[in-house]
Amino acid sequence: MTDSGPVHVIGATGRSGLALCHALTARGQTIIPVVRSLSRWQATGIACPARVADLQGNADRLHAALADATSIVLTAHARHLPAVLAAAPPQARIVALGSTRIFTRWPDAHGRGVMEGARAFARSGRDGVLLHPTMIYGATGEDNVQRLAALMRCLPILPLPGGGRSRIQPIWQGDVTRAILAAVDHPWDGPHSMVIAGGDQVTYRDFTRHVALAAGLRPRPVAPVPGWLLVAMARIHLSGLPHIAPAEVRRLMEDKIFDITPMRMQLGLTPTPLTVGLERTFARRG
């Protein structure tokens, strides 16, 4: 490691934050969780005192929570990066999670917030990296593959824009955690940005088949449906079906494929095969 001091984890009770805290404590690393709700942190069962700060609240409390920080990981939304940069000591290295949603043709509030954080980080001159994961699956409580499996339990046929020909590159939560750990250890010089993604590039149609098999379901036939029609249908929330937002439907109509050579070379990370990650995801759920 580049520093043996504690790691301040902001957003420690979230999906990626909690997974990171478990991984850091498992390797004997001291962590300082920075959370909004102390009771929620205590419910995780990790025997480690936390510091309370609201990223949208009192700036003095965030400054106090980070006063002794040398290594900070922000797993909360990247729109909070400006506040973290303002509160963190000048020497503290920063690792943060963004999103490849910044590359979409249909930006939403989530993506615009990530872009604002990315611009602030690039201007900061700080040592560290902003990691942009593709669609994350396999976290406790995630609603990507779980919603898809729930949808296939309800529908005999899957309506997909363009027949699901668009390609995706999902990343397993375990690999996101490994990427953050490697980024914490890496001696960054100045601010960097990096996409982290799975190694398998699959069409969404094939992705649904992999999810069905991992969930113990029969793969559903796919019905090509015009994107505009599915966007309109998504505005109507039908009882008994998982809710899918119109913006999510639009993103199904674009390829989301990225070069992961920097991830492999700089973080030394070889991503888990999609079939293996899905098997682990549904085995844990069962």
C-alpha atoms as a PDB file:
ATOM      1  CA  MET A   1       0.000   0.000   0.000  1.00  0.00           C
ATOM      2  CA  THR A   2       1.070   3.584  -0.571  1.00  0.00           C
ATOM      3  CA  ASP A   3      -0.123   4.585   2.912  1.00  0.00           C
ATOM      4  CA  SER A   4      -0.746   2.485   6.020  1.00  0.00           C
ATOM      5  CA  GLY A   5      -3.099   4.986   7.626  1.00  0.00           C
ATOM      6  CA  PRO A   6      -6.852   4.567   8.001  1.00  0.00           C
ATOM      7  CA  VAL A   7      -9.215   4.859   5.072  1.00  0.00           C
ATOM      8  CA  HIS A   8     -12.093   7.289   5.471  1.00  0.00           C
ATOM      9  CA  VAL A   9     -15.112   5.767   3.684  1.00  0.00           C
ATOM     10  CA  ILE A  10     -17.870   8.246   2.843  1.00  0.00           C
ATOM     11  CA  GLY A  11     -21.191   6.537   2.165  1.00  0.00           C
ATOM     12  CA  ALA A  12     -20.208   3.486   4.193  1.00  0.00           C
ATOM     13  CA  THR A  13     -23.775   2.205   4.560  1.00  0.00           C
ATOM     14  CA  GLY A  14     -24.481   2.177   0.810  1.00  0.00           C
ATOM     15  CA  ARG A  15     -24.081  -0.896  -1.376  1.00  0.00           C
ATOM     16  CA  SER A  16     -20.569  -0.258  -2.638  1.00  0.00           C
ATOM     17  CA  GLY A  17     -19.507   1.490   0.572  1.00  0.00           C
ATOM     18  CA  LEU A  18     -20.535  -1.356   2.834  1.00  0.00           C
ATOM     19  CA  ALA A  19     -18.937  -3.958   0.570  1.00  0.00           C
ATOM     20  CA  LEU A  20     -15.722  -1.928   0.670  1.00  0.00           C
ATOM     21  CA  CYS A  21     -15.795  -1.640   4.469  1.00  0.00           C
ATOM     22  CA  HIS A  22     -16.117  -5.421   4.793  1.00  0.00           C
ATOM     23  CA  ALA A  23     -13.208  -5.920   2.375  1.00  0.00           C
ATOM     24  CA  LEU A  24     -10.963  -3.381   4.104  1.00  0.00           C
ATOM     25  CA  THR A  25     -11.578  -4.801   7.577  1.00  0.00           C
ATOM     26  CA  ALA A  26     -11.038  -8.333   6.240  1.00  0.00           C
ATOM     27  CA  ARG A  27      -7.518  -7.381   5.201  1.00  0.00           C
ATOM     28  CA  GLY A  28      -6.810  -5.698   8.534  1.00  0.00           C
ATOM     29  CA  GLN A  29      -7.152  -2.118   7.335  1.00  0.00           C
ATOM     30  CA  THR A  30      -8.392   0.511   9.762  1.00  0.00           C
ATOM     31  CA  ILE A  31     -11.472   2.304   8.465  1.00  0.00           C
ATOM     32  CA  ILE A  32     -13.221   5.478   9.525  1.00  0.00           C
ATOM     33  CA  PRO A  33     -16.795   5.349   8.219  1.00  0.00           C
ATOM     34  CA  VAL A  34     -18.355   8.728   7.491  1.00  0.00           C
ATOM     35  CA  VAL A  35     -22.127   8.315   7.489  1.00  0.00           C
ATOM     36  CA  ARG A  36     -25.312  10.311   7.668  1.00  0.00           C
ATOM     37  CA  SER A  37     -27.116   7.908  10.015  1.00  0.00           C
ATOM     38  CA  LEU A  38     -25.261   6.453  12.993  1.00  0.00           C
ATOM     39  CA  SER A  39     -28.031   3.941  13.747  1.00  0.00           C
ATOM     40  CA  ARG A  40     -27.914   2.624  10.186  1.00  0.00           C
ATOM     41  CA  TRP A  41     -24.165   2.117  10.473  1.00  0.00           C
ATOM     42  CA  GLN A  42     -24.521   0.333  13.812  1.00  0.00           C
ATOM     43  CA  ALA A  43     -27.046  -2.010  12.194  1.00  0.00           C
ATOM     44  CA  THR A  44     -24.341  -3.266   9.800  1.00  0.00           C
ATOM     45  CA  GLY A  45     -22.675  -5.144  12.652  1.00  0.00           C
ATOM     46  CA  ILE A  46     -19.184  -3.853  11.859  1.00  0.00           C
ATOM     47  CA  ALA A  47     -17.515  -3.065  15.176  1.00  0.00           C
ATOM     48  CA  CYS A  48     -15.987   0.257  14.231  1.00  0.00           C
ATOM     49  CA  PRO A  49     -16.943   3.755  15.403  1.00  0.00           C
ATOM     50  CA  ALA A  50     -18.296   6.034  12.715  1.00  0.00           C
ATOM     51  CA  ARG A  51     -18.308   9.771  12.245  1.00  0.00           C
ATOM     52  CA  VAL A  52     -21.512  11.550  11.322  1.00  0.00           C
ATOM     53  CA  ALA A  53     -21.642  14.121   8.548  1.00  0.00           C
ATOM     54  CA  ASP A  54     -24.243  15.117   5.972  1.00  0.00           C
ATOM     55  CA  LEU A  55     -22.798  15.816   2.529  1.00  0.00           C
ATOM     56  CA  GLN A  56     -25.587  18.318   1.885  1.00  0.00           C
ATOM     57  CA  GLY A  57     -25.653  19.728   5.394  1.00  0.00           C
ATOM     58  CA  ASN A  58     -23.202  21.350   7.790  1.00  0.00           C
ATOM     59  CA  ALA A  59     -19.859  21.771   6.019  1.00  0.00           C
ATOM     60  CA  ASP A  60     -18.079  22.140   9.367  1.00  0.00           C
ATOM     61  CA  ARG A  61     -19.102  18.622  10.400  1.00  0.00           C
ATOM     62  CA  LEU A  62     -17.730  17.161   7.166  1.00  0.00           C
ATOM     63  CA  HIS A  63     -14.519  19.132   7.631  1.00  0.00           C
ATOM     64  CA  ALA A  64     -14.187  17.783  11.183  1.00  0.00           C
ATOM     65  CA  ALA A  65     -14.913  14.205  10.040  1.00  0.00           C
ATOM     66  CA  LEU A  66     -12.105  14.396   7.448  1.00  0.00           C
ATOM     67  CA  ALA A  67      -9.634  16.544   9.429  1.00  0.00           C
ATOM     68  CA  ASP A  68      -7.082  13.722   9.869  1.00  0.00           C
ATOM     69  CA  ALA A  69      -7.724  11.949   6.563  1.00  0.00           C
ATOM     70  CA  THR A  70      -4.880  10.759   4.353  1.00  0.00           C
ATOM     71  CA  SER A  71      -6.948   8.418   2.153  1.00  0.00           C
ATOM     72  CA  ILE A  72     -10.614   9.095   1.337  1.00  0.00           C
ATOM     73  CA  VAL A  73     -13.022   6.920  -0.619  1.00  0.00           C
ATOM     74  CA  LEU A  74     -16.289   8.502  -1.734  1.00  0.00           C
ATOM     75  CA  THR A  75     -18.839   5.821  -2.562  1.00  0.00           C
ATOM     76  CA  ALA A  76     -21.774   8.215  -2.341  1.00  0.00           C
ATOM     77  CA  HIS A  77     -22.865  10.047  -5.498  1.00  0.00           C
ATOM     78  CA  ALA A  78     -20.023  11.867  -7.268  1.00  0.00           C
ATOM     79  CA  ARG A  79     -22.029  15.106  -7.248  1.00  0.00           C
ATOM     80  CA  HIS A  80     -20.745  15.420  -3.662  1.00  0.00           C
ATOM     81  CA  LEU A  81     -17.113  15.569  -4.809  1.00  0.00           C
ATOM     82  CA  PRO A  82     -16.917  19.398  -4.618  1.00  0.00           C
ATOM     83  CA  ALA A  83     -17.984  19.299  -0.954  1.00  0.00           C
ATOM     84  CA  VAL A  84     -15.507  16.514  -0.167  1.00  0.00           C
ATOM     85  CA  LEU A  85     -12.672  18.306  -1.958  1.00  0.00           C
ATOM     86  CA  ALA A  86     -13.418  21.486  -0.006  1.00  0.00           C
ATOM     87  CA  ALA A  87     -13.418  19.663   3.335  1.00  0.00           C
ATOM     88  CA  ALA A  88     -10.522  17.236   2.831  1.00  0.00           C
ATOM     89  CA  PRO A  89      -6.950  18.042   3.941  1.00  0.00           C
ATOM     90  CA  PRO A  90      -4.700  19.071   1.013  1.00  0.00           C
ATOM     91  CA  GLN A  91      -2.535  15.949   1.293  1.00  0.00           C
ATOM     92  CA  ALA A  92      -5.433  13.461   1.291  1.00  0.00           C
ATOM     93  CA  ARG A  93      -5.672  11.120  -1.692  1.00  0.00           C
ATOM     94  CA  ILE A  94      -9.162  10.719  -3.169  1.00  0.00           C
ATOM     95  CA  VAL A  95     -10.826   7.666  -4.714  1.00  0.00           C
ATOM     96  CA  ALA A  96     -14.418   8.209  -5.831  1.00  0.00           C
ATOM     97  CA  LEU A  97     -17.122   6.359  -7.729  1.00  0.00           C
ATOM     98  CA  GLY A  98     -18.678   8.013 -10.748  1.00  0.00           C
ATOM     99  CA  SER A  99     -20.659   6.318 -13.512  1.00  0.00           C
ATOM    100  CA  THR A 100     -20.388   5.589 -17.227  1.00  0.00           C
ATOM    101  CA  ARG A 101     -23.797   7.221 -17.447  1.00  0.00           C
ATOM    102  CA  ILE A 102     -21.859  10.410 -18.219  1.00  0.00           C
ATOM    103  CA  PHE A 103     -21.296   8.972 -21.715  1.00  0.00           C
ATOM    104  CA  THR A 104     -24.976   8.415 -22.537  1.00  0.00           C
ATOM    105  CA  ARG A 105     -26.801  10.245 -25.313  1.00  0.00           C
ATOM    106  CA  TRP A 106     -29.646  10.818 -22.847  1.00  0.00           C
ATOM    107  CA  PRO A 107     -28.082  12.450 -19.770  1.00  0.00           C
ATOM    108  CA  ASP A 108     -30.211  12.640 -16.647  1.00  0.00           C
ATOM    109  CA  ALA A 109     -29.779  14.291 -13.243  1.00  0.00           C
ATOM    110  CA  HIS A 110     -27.606  11.395 -12.081  1.00  0.00           C
ATOM    111  CA  GLY A 111     -25.240  11.702 -15.024  1.00  0.00           C
ATOM    112  CA  ARG A 112     -25.108  15.498 -14.870  1.00  0.00           C
ATOM    113  CA  GLY A 113     -24.211  15.296 -11.180  1.00  0.00           C
ATOM    114  CA  VAL A 114     -21.353  12.913 -11.971  1.00  0.00           C
ATOM    115  CA  MET A 115     -20.096  15.281 -14.672  1.00  0.00           C
ATOM    116  CA  GLU A 116     -20.106  18.186 -12.210  1.00  0.00           C
ATOM    117  CA  GLY A 117     -18.094  16.118  -9.748  1.00  0.00           C
ATOM    118  CA  ALA A 118     -15.691  15.010 -12.479  1.00  0.00           C
ATOM    119  CA  ARG A 119     -15.031  18.596 -13.534  1.00  0.00           C
ATOM    120  CA  ALA A 120     -14.389  19.661  -9.938  1.00  0.00           C
ATOM    121  CA  PHE A 121     -12.010  16.756  -9.395  1.00  0.00           C
ATOM    122  CA  ALA A 122     -10.088  17.437 -12.619  1.00  0.00           C
ATOM    123  CA  ARG A 123      -9.611  21.084 -11.584  1.00  0.00           C
ATOM    124  CA  SER A 124      -8.582  20.200  -8.034  1.00  0.00           C
ATOM    125  CA  GLY A 125      -5.104  18.897  -8.818  1.00  0.00           C
ATOM    126  CA  ARG A 126      -5.655  16.233  -6.142  1.00  0.00           C
ATOM    127  CA  ASP A 127      -3.908  12.878  -6.203  1.00  0.00           C
ATOM    128  CA  GLY A 128      -6.464  10.163  -6.826  1.00  0.00           C
ATOM    129  CA  VAL A 129      -8.919   8.692  -9.290  1.00  0.00           C
ATOM    130  CA  LEU A 130     -12.575   8.883 -10.220  1.00  0.00           C
ATOM    131  CA  LEU A 131     -13.723   5.383 -11.187  1.00  0.00           C
ATOM    132  CA  HIS A 132     -16.635   5.138 -13.624  1.00  0.00           C
ATOM    133  CA  PRO A 133     -18.323   1.714 -13.350  1.00  0.00           C
ATOM    134  CA  THR A 134     -20.705   0.357 -15.951  1.00  0.00           C
ATOM    135  CA  MET A 135     -23.933  -1.260 -14.742  1.00  0.00           C
ATOM    136  CA  ILE A 136     -23.145  -2.893 -11.384  1.00  0.00           C
ATOM    137  CA  TYR A 137     -24.814  -6.162 -10.497  1.00  0.00           C
ATOM    138  CA  GLY A 138     -24.503  -8.514  -7.558  1.00  0.00           C
ATOM    139  CA  ALA A 139     -24.549  -6.057  -4.645  1.00  0.00           C
ATOM    140  CA  THR A 140     -26.802  -6.753  -1.683  1.00  0.00           C
ATOM    141  CA  GLY A 141     -30.107  -5.070  -2.492  1.00  0.00           C
ATOM    142  CA  GLU A 142     -29.209  -4.108  -6.073  1.00  0.00           C
ATOM    143  CA  ASP A 143     -32.093  -3.816  -8.493  1.00  0.00           C
ATOM    144  CA  ASN A 144     -30.515  -4.443 -11.898  1.00  0.00           C
ATOM    145  CA  VAL A 145     -30.480  -8.206 -12.444  1.00  0.00           C
ATOM    146  CA  GLN A 146     -32.988  -8.726  -9.643  1.00  0.00           C
ATOM    147  CA  ARG A 147     -35.593  -6.531 -11.354  1.00  0.00           C
ATOM    148  CA  LEU A 148     -34.902  -8.268 -14.653  1.00  0.00           C
ATOM    149  CA  ALA A 149     -35.383 -11.679 -13.065  1.00  0.00           C
ATOM    150  CA  ALA A 150     -38.592 -10.454 -11.412  1.00  0.00           C
ATOM    151  CA  LEU A 151     -39.828  -9.187 -14.766  1.00  0.00           C
ATOM    152  CA  MET A 152     -39.153 -12.562 -16.404  1.00  0.00           C
ATOM    153  CA  ARG A 153     -41.095 -14.284 -13.640  1.00  0.00           C
ATOM    154  CA  CYS A 154     -44.095 -12.182 -14.666  1.00  0.00           C
ATOM    155  CA  LEU A 155     -43.801 -12.120 -18.457  1.00  0.00           C
ATOM    156  CA  PRO A 156     -43.633 -15.034 -20.917  1.00  0.00           C
ATOM    157  CA  ILE A 157     -42.066 -12.746 -23.559  1.00  0.00           C
ATOM    158  CA  LEU A 158     -39.648  -9.839 -23.072  1.00  0.00           C
ATOM    159  CA  PRO A 159     -40.346  -6.687 -25.098  1.00  0.00           C
ATOM    160  CA  LEU A 160     -37.008  -5.045 -25.875  1.00  0.00           C
ATOM    161  CA  PRO A 161     -36.181  -2.033 -28.063  1.00  0.00           C
ATOM    162  CA  GLY A 162     -34.604  -3.216 -31.281  1.00  0.00           C
ATOM    163  CA  GLY A 163     -34.852  -6.770 -30.084  1.00  0.00           C
ATOM    164  CA  GLY A 164     -32.154  -6.199 -27.459  1.00  0.00           C
ATOM    165  CA  ARG A 165     -29.284  -5.879 -29.936  1.00  0.00           C
ATOM    166  CA  SER A 166     -27.508  -3.105 -28.028  1.00  0.00           C
ATOM    167  CA  ARG A 167     -24.388  -4.279 -26.221  1.00  0.00           C
ATOM    168  CA  ILE A 168     -23.560  -3.879 -22.544  1.00  0.00           C
ATOM    169  CA  GLN A 169     -20.578  -4.661 -20.326  1.00  0.00           C
ATOM    170  CA  PRO A 170     -21.857  -5.107 -16.752  1.00  0.00           C
ATOM    171  CA  ILE A 171     -19.463  -5.382 -13.820  1.00  0.00           C
ATOM    172  CA  TRP A 172     -19.892  -7.593 -10.766  1.00  0.00           C
ATOM    173  CA  GLN A 173     -19.937  -5.828  -7.385  1.00  0.00           C
ATOM    174  CA  GLY A 174     -16.993  -7.916  -6.191  1.00  0.00           C
ATOM    175  CA  ASP A 175     -14.895  -6.479  -9.006  1.00  0.00           C
ATOM    176  CA  VAL A 176     -15.981  -2.937  -8.140  1.00  0.00           C
ATOM    177  CA  THR A 177     -14.726  -3.560  -4.599  1.00  0.00           C
ATOM    178  CA  ARG A 178     -11.455  -4.997  -5.899  1.00  0.00           C
ATOM    179  CA  ALA A 179     -11.017  -1.988  -8.166  1.00  0.00           C
ATOM    180  CA  ILE A 180     -11.504   0.430  -5.270  1.00  0.00           C
ATOM    181  CA  LEU A 181      -9.024  -1.511  -3.120  1.00  0.00           C
ATOM    182  CA  ALA A 182      -6.445  -1.417  -5.905  1.00  0.00           C
ATOM    183  CA  ALA A 183      -7.094   2.304  -6.437  1.00  0.00           C
ATOM    184  CA  VAL A 184      -6.578   2.988  -2.721  1.00  0.00           C
ATOM    185  CA  ASP A 185      -3.200   1.251  -2.949  1.00  0.00           C
ATOM    186  CA  HIS A 186      -2.095   2.923  -6.193  1.00  0.00           C
ATOM    187  CA  PRO A 187       0.349   5.885  -6.024  1.00  0.00           C
ATOM    188  CA  TRP A 188      -1.689   8.383  -8.070  1.00  0.00           C
ATOM    189  CA  ASP A 189      -0.012  11.575  -9.227  1.00  0.00           C
ATOM    190  CA  GLY A 190      -2.674  14.193  -9.831  1.00  0.00           C
ATOM    191  CA  PRO A 191      -6.359  13.567 -10.680  1.00  0.00           C
ATOM    192  CA  HIS A 192      -7.211  10.631 -12.927  1.00  0.00           C
ATOM    193  CA  SER A 193     -10.377   9.180 -14.453  1.00  0.00           C
ATOM    194  CA  MET A 194     -10.920   5.526 -15.340  1.00  0.00           C
ATOM    195  CA  VAL A 195     -13.747   3.294 -16.570  1.00  0.00           C
ATOM    196  CA  ILE A 196     -14.167  -0.020 -14.753  1.00  0.00           C
ATOM    197  CA  ALA A 197     -16.250  -2.650 -16.526  1.00  0.00           C
ATOM    198  CA  GLY A 198     -16.744  -6.363 -16.950  1.00  0.00           C
ATOM    199  CA  GLY A 199     -14.775  -8.341 -19.476  1.00  0.00           C
ATOM    200  CA  ASP A 200     -17.810  -9.741 -21.322  1.00  0.00           C
ATOM    201  CA  GLN A 201     -19.458  -7.642 -24.016  1.00  0.00           C
ATOM    202  CA  VAL A 202     -22.937  -9.058 -24.607  1.00  0.00           C
ATOM    203  CA  THR A 203     -26.134  -7.952 -26.276  1.00  0.00           C
ATOM    204  CA  TYR A 204     -28.925  -7.139 -23.874  1.00  0.00           C
ATOM    205  CA  ARG A 205     -30.849 -10.042 -25.400  1.00  0.00           C
ATOM    206  CA  ASP A 206     -28.074 -12.467 -24.420  1.00  0.00           C
ATOM    207  CA  PHE A 207     -27.771 -10.790 -21.029  1.00  0.00           C
ATOM    208  CA  THR A 208     -31.418 -11.614 -20.265  1.00  0.00           C
ATOM    209  CA  ARG A 209     -30.715 -15.248 -21.156  1.00  0.00           C
ATOM    210  CA  HIS A 210     -27.727 -15.397 -18.784  1.00  0.00           C
ATOM    211  CA  VAL A 211     -29.779 -13.826 -15.992  1.00  0.00           C
ATOM    212  CA  ALA A 212     -32.664 -16.248 -16.534  1.00  0.00           C
ATOM    213  CA  LEU A 213     -30.405 -19.296 -16.357  1.00  0.00           C
ATOM    214  CA  ALA A 214     -28.625 -18.034 -13.241  1.00  0.00           C
ATOM    215  CA  ALA A 215     -31.998 -17.340 -11.586  1.00  0.00           C
ATOM    216  CA  GLY A 216     -33.283 -20.832 -12.412  1.00  0.00           C
ATOM    217  CA  LEU A 217     -35.726 -19.587 -15.032  1.00  0.00           C
ATOM    218  CA  ARG A 218     -36.419 -20.553 -18.618  1.00  0.00           C
ATOM    219  CA  PRO A 219     -34.943 -17.893 -20.928  1.00  0.00           C
ATOM    220  CA  ARG A 220     -37.725 -15.730 -22.326  1.00  0.00           C
ATOM    221  CA  PRO A 221     -38.195 -15.110 -26.048  1.00  0.00           C
ATOM    222  CA  VAL A 222     -37.573 -11.501 -27.015  1.00  0.00           C
ATOM    223  CA  ALA A 223     -40.105  -9.413 -28.927  1.00  0.00           C
ATOM    224  CA  PRO A 224     -38.636  -6.439 -30.828  1.00  0.00           C
ATOM    225  CA  VAL A 225     -40.624  -3.323 -29.928  1.00  0.00           C
ATOM    226  CA  PRO A 226     -40.047   0.269 -31.129  1.00  0.00           C
ATOM    227  CA  GLY A 227     -38.148   2.246 -28.516  1.00  0.00           C
ATOM    228  CA  TRP A 228     -40.631   5.133 -28.529  1.00  0.00           C
ATOM    229  CA  LEU A 229     -43.452   2.746 -27.664  1.00  0.00           C
ATOM    230  CA  LEU A 230     -41.571   1.220 -24.720  1.00  0.00           C
ATOM    231  CA  VAL A 231     -40.683   4.697 -23.467  1.00  0.00           C
ATOM    232  CA  ALA A 232     -44.383   5.594 -23.527  1.00  0.00           C
ATOM    233  CA  MET A 233     -45.332   2.335 -21.813  1.00  0.00           C
ATOM    234  CA  ALA A 234     -42.696   2.933 -19.107  1.00  0.00           C
ATOM    235  CA  ARG A 235     -44.620   6.036 -18.049  1.00  0.00           C
ATOM    236  CA  ILE A 236     -47.443   3.746 -16.960  1.00  0.00           C
ATOM    237  CA  HIS A 237     -46.644   1.788 -13.818  1.00  0.00           C
ATOM    238  CA  LEU A 238     -48.556  -1.494 -14.058  1.00  0.00           C
ATOM    239  CA  SER A 239     -49.347  -3.206 -10.783  1.00  0.00           C
ATOM    240  CA  GLY A 240     -47.340  -6.370 -10.183  1.00  0.00           C
ATOM    241  CA  LEU A 241     -44.522  -5.460 -12.567  1.00  0.00           C
ATOM    242  CA  PRO A 242     -41.143  -3.961 -11.561  1.00  0.00           C
ATOM    243  CA  HIS A 243     -40.998  -0.267 -12.410  1.00  0.00           C
ATOM    244  CA  ILE A 244     -38.676   0.734 -15.267  1.00  0.00           C
ATOM    245  CA  ALA A 245     -38.178   4.443 -15.897  1.00  0.00           C
ATOM    246  CA  PRO A 246     -38.375   5.912 -19.423  1.00  0.00           C
ATOM    247  CA  ALA A 247     -34.726   7.022 -19.174  1.00  0.00           C
ATOM    248  CA  GLU A 248     -33.698   3.422 -18.525  1.00  0.00           C
ATOM    249  CA  VAL A 249     -35.519   2.304 -21.671  1.00  0.00           C
ATOM    250  CA  ARG A 250     -33.701   4.940 -23.724  1.00  0.00           C
ATOM    251  CA  ARG A 251     -30.341   3.726 -22.437  1.00  0.00           C
ATOM    252  CA  LEU A 252     -31.247   0.214 -23.594  1.00  0.00           C
ATOM    253  CA  MET A 253     -31.067   1.549 -27.144  1.00  0.00           C
ATOM    254  CA  GLU A 254     -27.361   2.451 -27.077  1.00  0.00           C
ATOM    255  CA  ASP A 255     -24.162   0.420 -26.904  1.00  0.00           C
ATOM    256  CA  LYS A 256     -22.304   0.752 -23.609  1.00  0.00           C
ATOM    257  CA  ILE A 257     -18.902  -0.753 -24.449  1.00  0.00           C
ATOM    258  CA  PHE A 258     -15.607   0.511 -23.034  1.00  0.00           C
ATOM    259  CA  ASP A 259     -11.890  -0.160 -23.213  1.00  0.00           C
ATOM    260  CA  ILE A 260     -10.769  -1.722 -19.927  1.00  0.00           C
ATOM    261  CA  THR A 261      -7.054  -1.825 -20.732  1.00  0.00           C
ATOM    262  CA  PRO A 262      -6.310   0.972 -18.201  1.00  0.00           C
ATOM    263  CA  MET A 263      -8.198  -0.975 -15.526  1.00  0.00           C
ATOM    264  CA  ARG A 264      -6.210  -4.112 -16.292  1.00  0.00           C
ATOM    265  CA  MET A 265      -2.840  -2.358 -16.507  1.00  0.00           C
ATOM    266  CA  GLN A 266      -3.048   0.207 -13.697  1.00  0.00           C
ATOM    267  CA  LEU A 267      -5.241  -1.670 -11.229  1.00  0.00           C
ATOM    268  CA  GLY A 268      -4.109  -5.192 -12.154  1.00  0.00           C
ATOM    269  CA  LEU A 269      -7.744  -6.263 -12.312  1.00  0.00           C
ATOM    270  CA  THR A 270      -9.022  -9.135 -14.450  1.00  0.00           C
ATOM    271  CA  PRO A 271     -12.831  -8.983 -14.260  1.00  0.00           C
ATOM    272  CA  THR A 272     -14.958 -11.930 -13.219  1.00  0.00           C
ATOM    273  CA  PRO A 273     -16.730 -13.675 -16.148  1.00  0.00           C
ATOM    274  CA  LEU A 274     -20.396 -12.698 -16.418  1.00  0.00           C
ATOM    275  CA  THR A 275     -21.698 -16.234 -15.934  1.00  0.00           C
ATOM    276  CA  VAL A 276     -19.628 -16.657 -12.760  1.00  0.00           C
ATOM    277  CA  GLY A 277     -20.726 -13.303 -11.335  1.00  0.00           C
ATOM    278  CA  LEU A 278     -24.392 -14.097 -11.988  1.00  0.00           C
ATOM    279  CA  GLU A 279     -24.074 -17.549 -10.434  1.00  0.00           C
ATOM    280  CA  ARG A 280     -22.612 -15.985  -7.282  1.00  0.00           C
ATOM    281  CA  THR A 281     -25.306 -13.320  -7.254  1.00  0.00           C
ATOM    282  CA  PHE A 282     -28.245 -15.717  -7.320  1.00  0.00           C
ATOM    283  CA  ALA A 283     -26.557 -18.333  -5.128  1.00  0.00           C
ATOM    284  CA  ARG A 284     -26.241 -15.720  -2.381  1.00  0.00           C
ATOM    285  CA  ARG A 285     -29.838 -14.620  -2.868  1.00  0.00           C
ATOM    286  CA  GLY A 286     -31.038 -18.200  -2.551  1.00  0.00           C
END
